[in-house]
Structures are given as C-alpha cells and as structure tokens.
N, C-alpha and C. Protein backbone atom coordinates (compact mmCIF):
# COMPACT_ATOMS: atom_id res chain seq x y z
N MET A 1 114.34 110.34 115.93
CA MET A 1 113.03 109.88 115.48
C MET A 1 111.94 110.60 116.30
N SER A 2 110.96 111.08 115.64
CA SER A 2 109.89 111.87 116.25
C SER A 2 108.78 110.95 116.77
N VAL A 3 108.21 111.31 117.91
CA VAL A 3 107.09 110.57 118.46
C VAL A 3 105.80 111.03 117.78
N LYS A 4 104.93 110.07 117.48
CA LYS A 4 103.64 110.44 116.88
C LYS A 4 102.73 111.00 117.96
N ILE A 5 102.14 112.13 117.65
CA ILE A 5 101.17 112.76 118.56
C ILE A 5 99.78 112.73 117.87
N TYR A 6 98.84 112.14 118.55
CA TYR A 6 97.48 112.03 118.02
C TYR A 6 96.71 113.29 118.43
N ASN A 7 95.69 113.66 117.65
CA ASN A 7 94.94 114.84 118.02
C ASN A 7 93.47 114.73 117.62
N ARG A 8 92.70 115.63 118.22
CA ARG A 8 91.28 115.71 117.98
C ARG A 8 90.89 117.03 117.27
N ILE A 9 91.82 117.63 116.60
CA ILE A 9 91.53 118.90 115.94
C ILE A 9 90.39 118.80 114.93
N PRO A 10 90.34 117.78 114.08
CA PRO A 10 89.22 117.72 113.14
C PRO A 10 87.87 117.66 113.83
N LEU A 11 87.77 116.92 114.93
CA LEU A 11 86.55 116.81 115.69
C LEU A 11 86.15 118.14 116.30
N LEU A 12 87.13 118.82 116.89
CA LEU A 12 86.84 120.12 117.49
C LEU A 12 86.43 121.17 116.47
N ARG A 13 87.07 121.12 115.30
CA ARG A 13 86.69 122.01 114.21
C ARG A 13 85.29 121.74 113.72
N ALA A 14 84.97 120.47 113.56
CA ALA A 14 83.64 120.08 113.05
C ALA A 14 82.53 120.46 114.03
N GLU A 15 82.81 120.30 115.32
CA GLU A 15 81.81 120.71 116.31
C GLU A 15 81.48 122.19 116.23
N ARG A 16 82.43 122.97 115.78
CA ARG A 16 82.25 124.41 115.75
C ARG A 16 82.06 124.95 114.32
N SER A 17 81.90 124.05 113.36
CA SER A 17 81.76 124.44 111.95
C SER A 17 82.86 125.41 111.56
N LEU A 18 84.08 125.04 111.88
CA LEU A 18 85.22 125.92 111.69
C LEU A 18 86.13 125.40 110.59
N SER A 19 86.50 126.25 109.67
CA SER A 19 87.39 125.86 108.60
C SER A 19 88.83 125.82 109.08
N ARG A 20 89.68 125.14 108.37
CA ARG A 20 91.11 125.13 108.70
C ARG A 20 91.66 126.54 108.65
N LYS A 21 91.23 127.29 107.64
CA LYS A 21 91.74 128.64 107.47
C LYS A 21 91.34 129.53 108.67
N ALA A 22 90.09 129.44 109.11
CA ALA A 22 89.62 130.24 110.23
C ALA A 22 90.39 129.87 111.52
N LEU A 23 90.63 128.59 111.74
CA LEU A 23 91.37 128.15 112.91
C LEU A 23 92.82 128.63 112.81
N ALA A 24 93.41 128.49 111.65
CA ALA A 24 94.78 128.93 111.46
C ALA A 24 94.93 130.43 111.76
N GLU A 25 94.00 131.22 111.28
CA GLU A 25 94.05 132.65 111.53
C GLU A 25 93.93 132.93 113.03
N ALA A 26 93.08 132.20 113.70
CA ALA A 26 92.86 132.40 115.15
C ALA A 26 94.10 132.12 115.98
N VAL A 27 94.92 131.17 115.52
CA VAL A 27 96.11 130.80 116.30
C VAL A 27 97.40 131.26 115.59
N SER A 28 97.30 132.08 114.59
CA SER A 28 98.41 132.71 113.89
C SER A 28 99.40 131.72 113.28
N VAL A 29 98.83 130.77 112.48
CA VAL A 29 99.65 129.87 111.69
C VAL A 29 99.07 129.83 110.28
N ASN A 30 99.80 129.21 109.36
CA ASN A 30 99.34 129.00 108.00
C ASN A 30 98.25 127.89 108.05
N TYR A 31 97.25 128.02 107.19
CA TYR A 31 96.17 126.99 107.22
C TYR A 31 96.71 125.59 106.89
N GLN A 32 97.81 125.52 106.13
CA GLN A 32 98.40 124.21 105.82
C GLN A 32 98.95 123.54 107.07
N THR A 33 99.38 124.33 108.04
CA THR A 33 99.88 123.77 109.30
C THR A 33 98.75 123.01 110.01
N ILE A 34 97.55 123.52 109.96
CA ILE A 34 96.40 122.85 110.58
C ILE A 34 96.18 121.49 109.89
N GLY A 35 96.27 121.47 108.58
CA GLY A 35 96.13 120.19 107.85
C GLY A 35 97.24 119.22 108.23
N TYR A 36 98.47 119.68 108.31
CA TYR A 36 99.58 118.81 108.69
C TYR A 36 99.37 118.25 110.08
N LEU A 37 98.88 119.06 110.99
CA LEU A 37 98.61 118.60 112.35
C LEU A 37 97.52 117.53 112.34
N GLU A 38 96.43 117.81 111.66
CA GLU A 38 95.31 116.88 111.61
C GLU A 38 95.69 115.53 111.05
N ARG A 39 96.55 115.50 110.05
CA ARG A 39 96.97 114.24 109.44
C ARG A 39 98.07 113.57 110.22
N GLY A 40 98.63 114.23 111.21
CA GLY A 40 99.74 113.65 111.95
C GLY A 40 101.07 113.82 111.28
N ASP A 41 101.15 114.66 110.27
CA ASP A 41 102.40 114.88 109.55
C ASP A 41 103.33 115.85 110.28
N TYR A 42 102.82 116.51 111.31
CA TYR A 42 103.57 117.57 112.04
C TYR A 42 103.12 117.52 113.48
N ASN A 43 104.09 117.57 114.38
CA ASN A 43 103.78 117.70 115.80
C ASN A 43 103.82 119.14 116.21
N PRO A 44 102.87 119.59 116.99
CA PRO A 44 102.82 121.01 117.35
C PRO A 44 103.92 121.42 118.32
N SER A 45 104.32 122.65 118.23
CA SER A 45 105.20 123.20 119.26
C SER A 45 104.38 123.37 120.52
N LEU A 46 105.04 123.54 121.64
CA LEU A 46 104.32 123.77 122.89
C LEU A 46 103.46 125.02 122.79
N GLU A 47 104.02 126.05 122.17
CA GLU A 47 103.26 127.31 122.00
C GLU A 47 101.98 127.09 121.21
N LEU A 48 102.08 126.37 120.09
CA LEU A 48 100.91 126.12 119.29
C LEU A 48 99.88 125.24 120.01
N ALA A 49 100.36 124.24 120.71
CA ALA A 49 99.44 123.37 121.49
C ALA A 49 98.69 124.18 122.51
N LEU A 50 99.36 125.09 123.18
CA LEU A 50 98.72 125.93 124.19
C LEU A 50 97.75 126.93 123.57
N LYS A 51 98.10 127.45 122.37
CA LYS A 51 97.19 128.37 121.68
C LYS A 51 95.92 127.65 121.27
N LEU A 52 96.05 126.42 120.78
CA LEU A 52 94.88 125.62 120.40
C LEU A 52 94.04 125.31 121.60
N SER A 53 94.68 124.95 122.69
CA SER A 53 93.97 124.65 123.94
C SER A 53 93.17 125.86 124.41
N ALA A 54 93.79 127.02 124.37
CA ALA A 54 93.12 128.24 124.78
C ALA A 54 91.96 128.58 123.82
N TYR A 55 92.20 128.42 122.53
CA TYR A 55 91.17 128.73 121.55
C TYR A 55 89.92 127.85 121.76
N PHE A 56 90.14 126.55 121.90
CA PHE A 56 89.01 125.63 122.05
C PHE A 56 88.53 125.54 123.49
N GLN A 57 89.22 126.18 124.41
CA GLN A 57 88.87 126.24 125.81
C GLN A 57 88.74 124.83 126.42
N VAL A 58 89.72 123.99 126.12
CA VAL A 58 89.81 122.63 126.67
C VAL A 58 91.27 122.40 127.06
N PRO A 59 91.50 121.50 128.00
CA PRO A 59 92.90 121.17 128.37
C PRO A 59 93.65 120.57 127.19
N VAL A 60 94.94 120.82 127.15
CA VAL A 60 95.79 120.31 126.04
C VAL A 60 95.61 118.81 125.86
N GLU A 61 95.51 118.06 126.96
CA GLU A 61 95.36 116.59 126.84
C GLU A 61 94.06 116.15 126.24
N GLN A 62 93.08 117.05 126.10
CA GLN A 62 91.88 116.69 125.40
C GLN A 62 92.02 116.88 123.89
N ILE A 63 93.08 117.57 123.49
CA ILE A 63 93.34 117.78 122.06
C ILE A 63 94.43 116.82 121.58
N PHE A 64 95.48 116.70 122.37
CA PHE A 64 96.65 115.92 121.97
C PHE A 64 96.91 114.76 122.90
N SER A 65 97.45 113.66 122.33
CA SER A 65 97.76 112.46 123.14
C SER A 65 98.91 111.70 122.49
N LEU A 66 99.66 111.01 123.30
CA LEU A 66 100.71 110.08 122.79
C LEU A 66 100.10 108.76 122.39
N GLU A 67 98.88 108.48 122.81
CA GLU A 67 98.16 107.24 122.51
C GLU A 67 96.96 107.60 121.62
N PRO A 68 96.53 106.68 120.74
CA PRO A 68 95.32 106.99 119.97
C PRO A 68 94.15 107.17 120.90
N PHE A 69 93.27 108.12 120.52
CA PHE A 69 92.07 108.36 121.28
C PHE A 69 91.09 107.24 121.04
N PRO A 70 90.30 106.84 122.05
CA PRO A 70 89.29 105.80 121.83
C PRO A 70 88.25 106.30 120.85
N SER A 71 87.67 105.39 120.13
CA SER A 71 86.61 105.75 119.17
C SER A 71 85.41 106.30 119.90
N LEU A 72 84.81 107.29 119.31
CA LEU A 72 83.60 107.85 119.90
C LEU A 72 82.38 107.02 119.59
N PHE A 73 82.56 106.05 118.71
CA PHE A 73 81.46 105.23 118.23
C PHE A 73 81.47 103.81 118.80
N GLY A 74 82.29 103.57 119.79
CA GLY A 74 82.37 102.24 120.40
C GLY A 74 83.20 101.30 119.57
N PRO A 75 83.27 100.02 120.00
CA PRO A 75 84.07 99.02 119.27
C PRO A 75 83.45 98.79 117.88
N SER A 76 84.34 98.54 116.92
CA SER A 76 83.87 98.22 115.58
C SER A 76 83.52 96.74 115.52
N SER A 77 82.55 96.42 114.65
CA SER A 77 82.14 95.02 114.52
C SER A 77 82.84 94.33 113.38
C-alpha cells in the first residue's frame, strides 16, 4: 500500500503563472504526470521531487509532505 504524499505544486505553479505543460517540460516529464501529482494520484520519484525542488528553488519539504499542509487562509468557519 502506497503512502499519500501531499504537495503544493498547484500553488507554486499559480504563483509563477506556469502551466502544467511548461512545468512538465522544465522537469522532463509528461504534462499528465504533473496533473497526477497535483491530484495525489501519483507519488513522485526521488529524482522528480529533487528536480521540482531545484526548479522552484525551495526545499523539497516545502513542496511535499506526508501530512496535509495547513490552510493558507486560516481555520474555516
């Protein structure tokens, strides 16, 4: 059984106005792979996680986590 890995790829892409296709080309994967990652349907290989980290220039743990990331908008009412 695979462990769910949470990610902030959609947020990082949005901050940079970056399409899935452009990101995929930058890290040498199919654009569908980026969609699978974003939805949590696919866990990245170590190589891909490191490529994304290098591309976004942030530590891997700012992109991926074993626990859900806290909401950026505070607690919901």
